[in-house]
């Protein structure tokens, strides 16, 4: 069922970067582009958000040498980058035909992307994964017999890898592309049912959605719940553990990662999480309240009382 008045792709990406990533003003992001719809929307969205959030971007495309059309597809990405005054570079890798082609191509692509990030001084890579990608990956892991830890897939931030569109649906991306008149290419390999992901996307997911229309939302929530096991442990003054919502937990993780000792993250009921100046650990202080619930507007407030350690700045 279509959502009524859904947030724009820009709003979803901005919220994800602000609430769930440790991105800092002045950081540089290498945006992974291919000329396809998802990476085109990603590049356009980050270019529009860069000034507002204080980061810079550099677009980079990788030609796997598997399709002659790849060169012209990357030209579309280059045109969009130039339209936004974003630097664009590209590289080519060799991936021979054979078994496990998609996996080997992915490994070669990321090796080239990390090398490009180092060359341009980027702190982060950003990919165009969205909610459907994440749901499909959960299903694929289940089919392969993964345990609970194996379902903690495609979080908004994973090390130095960012997924700004992971809270967006495919329809949000399509709407953004249409609204801004963005040109993009379609990769025919996305229709090749020799690949497991393609079969899951075109056969399994439609069947699951016919049985449970909200299955993409549910599978993303499952991945979030498994990822929550890695959330920072927060206790109150009595030593009792306090369960935080996703946004509050992300705010605490950001404050710890940036060494913002003394930072305060507001919670419902008059409580706050304070990053202890002595230990760096998060502690809940203030009046009793339902700390596991999110604030009315869904966003924790964070006040910083300190500057990050200079040593932490190098990534």
Protein backbone atom coordinates (compact mmCIF):
# COMPACT_ATOMS: atom_id res chain seq x y z
CA UNK A 1 0.00 0.00 0.00
CA UNK A 2 1.49 3.39 -0.98
CA UNK A 3 2.51 5.58 1.93
CA UNK A 4 0.62 8.86 2.35
CA UNK A 5 2.80 11.96 2.11
CA UNK A 6 6.09 10.04 2.34
CA UNK A 7 9.25 11.99 3.18
CA UNK A 8 11.37 12.95 0.21
CA UNK A 9 14.54 11.07 -0.63
CA UNK A 10 16.53 14.12 0.45
CA UNK A 11 14.85 14.11 3.85
CA UNK A 12 15.43 10.38 4.32
CA UNK A 13 19.10 10.65 3.35
CA UNK A 14 19.65 13.69 5.56
CA UNK A 15 18.01 12.02 8.55
CA UNK A 16 20.12 8.89 8.07
CA UNK A 17 23.37 10.85 7.83
CA UNK A 18 22.52 13.02 10.84
CA UNK A 19 21.09 10.34 13.14
CA UNK A 20 22.81 7.10 12.20
CA UNK A 21 26.24 7.98 10.85
CA UNK A 22 29.35 9.53 12.42
CA UNK A 23 29.87 11.89 9.49
CA UNK A 24 31.45 15.19 10.51
CA UNK A 25 31.54 18.64 8.89
CA UNK A 26 34.61 18.86 6.68
CA UNK A 27 34.60 15.15 5.79
CA UNK A 28 34.88 14.05 2.18
CA UNK A 29 32.75 11.23 0.77
CA UNK A 30 33.62 9.16 -2.28
CA UNK A 31 30.27 8.48 -3.94
CA UNK A 32 30.16 5.15 -5.79
CA UNK A 33 28.40 5.67 -9.13
CA UNK A 34 27.57 3.44 -12.06
CA UNK A 35 25.08 5.45 -14.09
CA UNK A 36 22.21 3.32 -12.76
CA UNK A 37 19.15 4.75 -11.06
CA UNK A 38 20.15 4.10 -7.45
CA UNK A 39 23.64 5.60 -7.66
CA UNK A 40 22.33 8.49 -9.78
CA UNK A 41 19.82 9.37 -7.07
CA UNK A 42 22.55 8.97 -4.43
CA UNK A 43 24.92 11.34 -6.21
CA UNK A 44 22.21 13.92 -6.79
CA UNK A 45 20.97 13.73 -3.19
CA UNK A 46 24.43 14.03 -1.63
CA UNK A 47 25.33 16.91 -3.94
CA UNK A 48 22.22 18.75 -2.74
CA UNK A 49 22.95 17.98 0.93
CA UNK A 50 26.69 18.67 0.93
CA UNK A 51 26.52 22.37 1.74
CA UNK A 52 23.76 21.91 4.31
CA UNK A 53 25.61 19.20 6.21
CA UNK A 54 29.11 20.56 5.64
CA UNK A 55 30.75 17.69 3.76
CA UNK A 56 32.27 17.46 0.27
CA UNK A 57 31.90 14.69 -2.28
CA UNK A 58 33.88 13.10 -5.09
CA UNK A 59 32.18 10.75 -7.55
CA UNK A 60 33.94 7.63 -8.80
CA UNK A 61 32.79 4.93 -11.20
CA UNK A 62 34.25 1.49 -11.84
CA UNK A 63 34.05 -0.30 -15.20
CA UNK A 64 34.25 -4.05 -14.65
CA UNK A 65 35.10 -4.70 -18.29
CA UNK A 66 32.15 -7.07 -18.61
CA UNK A 67 29.79 -4.98 -20.74
CA UNK A 68 30.54 -2.55 -23.57
CA UNK A 69 27.66 -0.35 -22.38
CA UNK A 70 29.39 0.41 -19.08
CA UNK A 71 31.46 3.22 -20.57
CA UNK A 72 28.41 5.14 -21.80
CA UNK A 73 26.62 4.52 -18.50
CA UNK A 74 29.51 6.08 -16.61
CA UNK A 75 29.29 9.06 -18.95
CA UNK A 76 25.80 9.71 -17.56
CA UNK A 77 27.25 9.72 -14.04
CA UNK A 78 30.04 12.06 -15.17
CA UNK A 79 27.50 14.47 -16.69
CA UNK A 80 25.52 14.64 -13.45
CA UNK A 81 28.69 15.12 -11.41
CA UNK A 82 29.80 17.98 -13.63
CA UNK A 83 26.33 19.55 -13.42
CA UNK A 84 26.78 19.71 -9.66
CA UNK A 85 30.46 20.78 -9.89
CA UNK A 86 31.48 17.50 -8.28
CA UNK A 87 34.88 16.00 -9.23
CA UNK A 88 34.52 12.74 -11.15
CA UNK A 89 37.03 9.98 -11.76
CA UNK A 90 36.78 6.41 -12.95
CA UNK A 91 38.81 3.24 -13.04
CA UNK A 92 38.65 -0.09 -14.84
CA UNK A 93 39.11 -3.55 -13.39
CA UNK A 94 39.35 -6.93 -15.05
CA UNK A 95 36.88 -9.59 -13.90
CA UNK A 96 37.14 -12.73 -15.97
CA UNK A 97 34.09 -14.83 -16.77
CA UNK A 98 33.46 -17.79 -14.50
CA UNK A 99 31.71 -18.88 -11.34
CA UNK A 100 30.51 -16.50 -8.63
CA UNK A 101 30.78 -13.61 -11.07
CA UNK A 102 28.80 -11.05 -9.06
CA UNK A 103 30.82 -11.69 -5.91
CA UNK A 104 34.15 -11.41 -7.69
CA UNK A 105 33.01 -8.24 -9.48
CA UNK A 106 31.92 -6.73 -6.18
CA UNK A 107 35.27 -7.51 -4.55
CA UNK A 108 37.17 -5.99 -7.47
CA UNK A 109 34.94 -2.92 -7.45
CA UNK A 110 35.44 -2.22 -3.77
CA UNK A 111 39.18 -2.70 -4.04
CA UNK A 112 39.20 -0.04 -6.77
CA UNK A 113 36.90 2.23 -4.78
CA UNK A 114 38.99 2.11 -1.61
CA UNK A 115 42.08 2.89 -3.69
CA UNK A 116 40.26 5.85 -5.26
CA UNK A 117 39.12 7.07 -1.83
CA UNK A 118 42.71 7.05 -0.59
CA UNK A 119 43.89 8.86 -3.70
CA UNK A 120 41.43 11.76 -3.29
CA UNK A 121 41.61 11.94 0.51
CA UNK A 122 38.06 10.73 1.13
CA UNK A 123 37.08 9.64 4.63
CA UNK A 124 34.07 7.60 3.52
CA UNK A 125 32.56 5.55 0.70
CA UNK A 126 28.84 5.96 0.02
CA UNK A 127 26.76 3.40 -1.88
CA UNK A 128 23.19 3.56 -3.16
CA UNK A 129 21.75 0.58 -1.25
CA UNK A 130 18.10 1.03 -0.27
CA UNK A 131 15.52 -0.78 1.86
CA UNK A 132 14.60 -3.35 -0.79
CA UNK A 133 18.28 -4.26 -1.22
CA UNK A 134 18.51 -4.84 2.51
CA UNK A 135 15.36 -6.97 2.63
CA UNK A 136 16.59 -9.09 -0.29
CA UNK A 137 19.92 -9.60 1.44
CA UNK A 138 18.21 -10.81 4.61
CA UNK A 139 16.22 -13.34 2.56
CA UNK A 140 19.36 -14.50 0.77
CA UNK A 141 21.15 -14.98 4.08
CA UNK A 142 18.21 -16.99 5.41
CA UNK A 143 18.24 -19.19 2.30
CA UNK A 144 21.93 -19.85 2.90
CA UNK A 145 21.34 -20.84 6.52
CA UNK A 146 22.78 -17.78 8.25
CA UNK A 147 22.43 -17.45 12.00
CA UNK A 148 21.27 -14.31 13.81
CA UNK A 149 24.57 -12.46 13.41
CA UNK A 150 24.47 -13.13 9.67
CA UNK A 151 21.23 -11.13 9.38
CA UNK A 152 22.84 -7.88 10.58
CA UNK A 153 23.21 -6.73 6.98
CA UNK A 154 23.62 -3.37 5.24
CA UNK A 155 23.43 -1.01 8.23
CA UNK A 156 23.48 2.76 7.55
CA UNK A 157 27.16 2.86 8.53
CA UNK A 158 29.59 -0.02 8.45
CA UNK A 159 33.09 1.08 9.28
CA UNK A 160 33.92 3.77 6.71
CA UNK A 161 31.10 2.69 4.39
CA UNK A 162 27.92 4.80 4.36
CA UNK A 163 24.49 3.86 2.99
CA UNK A 164 22.56 7.16 3.05
CA UNK A 165 19.56 5.71 1.15
CA UNK A 166 19.08 2.59 3.26
CA UNK A 167 15.93 4.02 4.91
CA UNK A 168 14.44 4.81 1.49
CA UNK A 169 12.25 2.55 -0.60
CA UNK A 170 12.74 1.96 -4.31
CA UNK A 171 9.66 4.11 -4.95
CA UNK A 172 11.31 7.01 -3.11
CA UNK A 173 14.28 6.76 -5.46
CA UNK A 174 12.05 6.54 -8.55
CA UNK A 175 10.13 9.59 -7.38
CA UNK A 176 13.34 11.56 -6.90
CA UNK A 177 14.65 10.62 -10.34
CA UNK A 178 11.41 11.69 -11.97
CA UNK A 179 11.03 14.90 -9.95
CA UNK A 180 14.49 16.13 -10.91
CA UNK A 181 14.49 14.79 -14.46
CA UNK A 182 17.61 12.69 -13.93
CA UNK A 183 18.91 10.48 -16.72
CA UNK A 184 20.10 7.01 -15.80
CA UNK A 185 20.82 3.63 -17.37
CA UNK A 186 19.43 0.16 -16.69
CA UNK A 187 21.84 -2.74 -16.21
CA UNK A 188 20.52 -5.85 -18.04
CA UNK A 189 22.28 -8.10 -15.53
CA UNK A 190 19.60 -7.01 -13.03
CA UNK A 191 17.18 -9.16 -15.05
CA UNK A 192 19.46 -12.20 -15.42
CA UNK A 193 17.83 -14.93 -13.33
CA UNK A 194 21.00 -16.97 -13.20
CA UNK A 195 21.89 -14.79 -10.21
CA UNK A 196 20.30 -15.58 -6.85
CA UNK A 197 19.61 -11.92 -6.00
CA UNK A 198 17.71 -11.46 -9.24
CA UNK A 199 15.51 -14.47 -8.53
CA UNK A 200 14.89 -13.29 -4.97
CA UNK A 201 14.00 -9.81 -6.28
CA UNK A 202 11.66 -10.92 -9.04
CA UNK A 203 10.27 -14.20 -7.71
CA UNK A 204 10.58 -14.46 -3.93
CA UNK A 205 9.92 -10.88 -2.86
CA UNK A 206 6.70 -10.45 -4.90
CA UNK A 207 5.40 -13.72 -3.40
CA UNK A 208 6.26 -12.59 0.13
CA UNK A 209 4.66 -9.19 -0.47
CA UNK A 210 1.48 -10.89 -1.67
CA UNK A 211 1.36 -12.70 1.69
CA UNK A 212 2.58 -9.77 3.83
CA UNK A 213 2.52 -6.35 2.12
CA UNK A 214 4.86 -4.87 4.76
CA UNK A 215 7.49 -7.60 4.41
CA UNK A 216 10.23 -5.17 3.30
CA UNK A 217 9.62 -3.07 6.41
CA UNK A 218 9.57 -6.18 8.59
CA UNK A 219 12.81 -7.58 7.15
CA UNK A 220 14.54 -4.22 7.62
CA UNK A 221 13.30 -4.12 11.21
CA UNK A 222 14.71 -7.62 11.75
CA UNK A 223 18.10 -6.49 10.47
CA UNK A 224 17.91 -3.46 12.77
CA UNK A 225 17.11 -5.65 15.76
CA UNK A 226 20.10 -7.88 15.10
CA UNK A 227 22.33 -4.84 14.57
CA UNK A 228 21.05 -3.49 17.89
CA UNK A 229 23.10 -6.16 19.65
CA UNK A 230 26.12 -4.03 18.78
CA UNK A 231 24.62 -0.83 20.20
CA UNK A 232 26.46 0.86 23.07
CA UNK A 233 25.52 -0.43 26.51
CA UNK A 234 23.88 2.34 28.52
CA UNK A 235 23.16 2.18 32.25
CA UNK A 236 21.48 4.49 34.75
CA UNK A 237 22.89 5.68 38.08
CA UNK A 238 21.84 2.42 39.75
CA UNK A 239 23.68 0.33 37.18
CA UNK A 240 20.48 -0.91 35.47
CA UNK A 241 20.70 -1.20 31.70
CA UNK A 242 18.56 1.24 29.70
CA UNK A 243 17.26 0.27 26.25
CA UNK A 244 17.56 3.09 23.72
CA UNK A 245 15.70 3.58 20.46
CA UNK A 246 17.58 3.47 17.16
CA UNK A 247 18.09 7.22 16.79
CA UNK A 248 19.16 7.73 20.42
CA UNK A 249 21.58 4.81 20.23
CA UNK A 250 23.08 6.24 17.06
CA UNK A 251 23.50 9.63 18.73
CA UNK A 252 25.33 8.00 21.64
CA UNK A 253 27.56 6.03 19.27
CA UNK A 254 28.41 9.23 17.37
CA UNK A 255 29.29 11.08 20.57
CA UNK A 256 31.53 8.24 21.73
CA UNK A 257 33.22 7.88 18.36
CA UNK A 258 34.00 11.58 18.27
CA UNK A 259 35.24 11.62 21.88
CA UNK A 260 32.61 14.22 22.81
CA UNK A 261 33.08 13.78 26.54
CA UNK A 262 30.35 15.55 28.49
CA UNK A 263 27.91 15.41 25.56
CA UNK A 264 24.25 15.07 26.56
CA UNK A 265 21.59 13.28 24.51
CA UNK A 266 18.07 14.04 25.65
CA UNK A 267 15.57 11.24 26.20
CA UNK A 268 11.83 11.25 26.98
CA UNK A 269 10.73 11.83 30.58
CA UNK A 270 13.41 14.40 31.36
CA UNK A 271 16.28 11.93 31.18
CA UNK A 272 19.58 12.41 29.40
CA UNK A 273 22.45 10.18 28.34
CA UNK A 274 25.74 11.76 29.40
CA UNK A 275 29.09 10.66 28.00
CA UNK A 276 31.17 10.47 31.17
CA UNK A 277 34.24 12.68 30.98
CA UNK A 278 36.34 10.22 32.97
CA UNK A 279 35.46 6.87 31.42
CA UNK A 280 33.88 7.85 28.09
CA UNK A 281 30.95 5.56 28.90
CA UNK A 282 27.31 6.61 28.42
CA UNK A 283 25.23 6.99 31.60
CA UNK A 284 21.54 7.89 31.92
CA UNK A 285 20.77 10.64 34.42
CA UNK A 286 17.65 12.60 35.35
CA UNK A 287 14.04 11.82 36.14
CA UNK A 288 12.67 8.34 35.57
CA UNK A 289 11.01 7.82 32.22
CA UNK A 290 10.46 5.40 29.39
CA UNK A 291 13.95 5.68 27.95
CA UNK A 292 13.23 3.11 25.29
CA UNK A 293 10.70 5.37 23.58
CA UNK A 294 11.77 7.98 21.07
CA UNK A 295 11.01 11.71 21.50
CA UNK A 296 7.76 12.95 19.91
CA UNK A 297 9.53 14.10 16.76
CA UNK A 298 11.66 10.96 16.62
CA UNK A 299 14.98 12.78 16.99
CA UNK A 300 17.20 12.80 20.08
CA UNK A 301 18.82 16.10 20.96
CA UNK A 302 22.54 16.14 21.45
CA UNK A 303 24.44 18.98 23.09
CA UNK A 304 28.20 18.78 22.81
CA UNK A 305 30.41 19.99 25.65
CA UNK A 306 33.84 19.28 24.28
CA UNK A 307 35.83 18.77 21.11
CA UNK A 308 36.86 15.48 19.53
CA UNK A 309 40.34 14.21 20.06
CA UNK A 310 42.71 15.25 17.27
CA UNK A 311 44.09 11.71 17.18
CA UNK A 312 40.68 10.30 16.34
CA UNK A 313 40.36 12.50 13.26
CA UNK A 314 42.54 10.29 11.05
CA UNK A 315 40.59 7.43 9.55
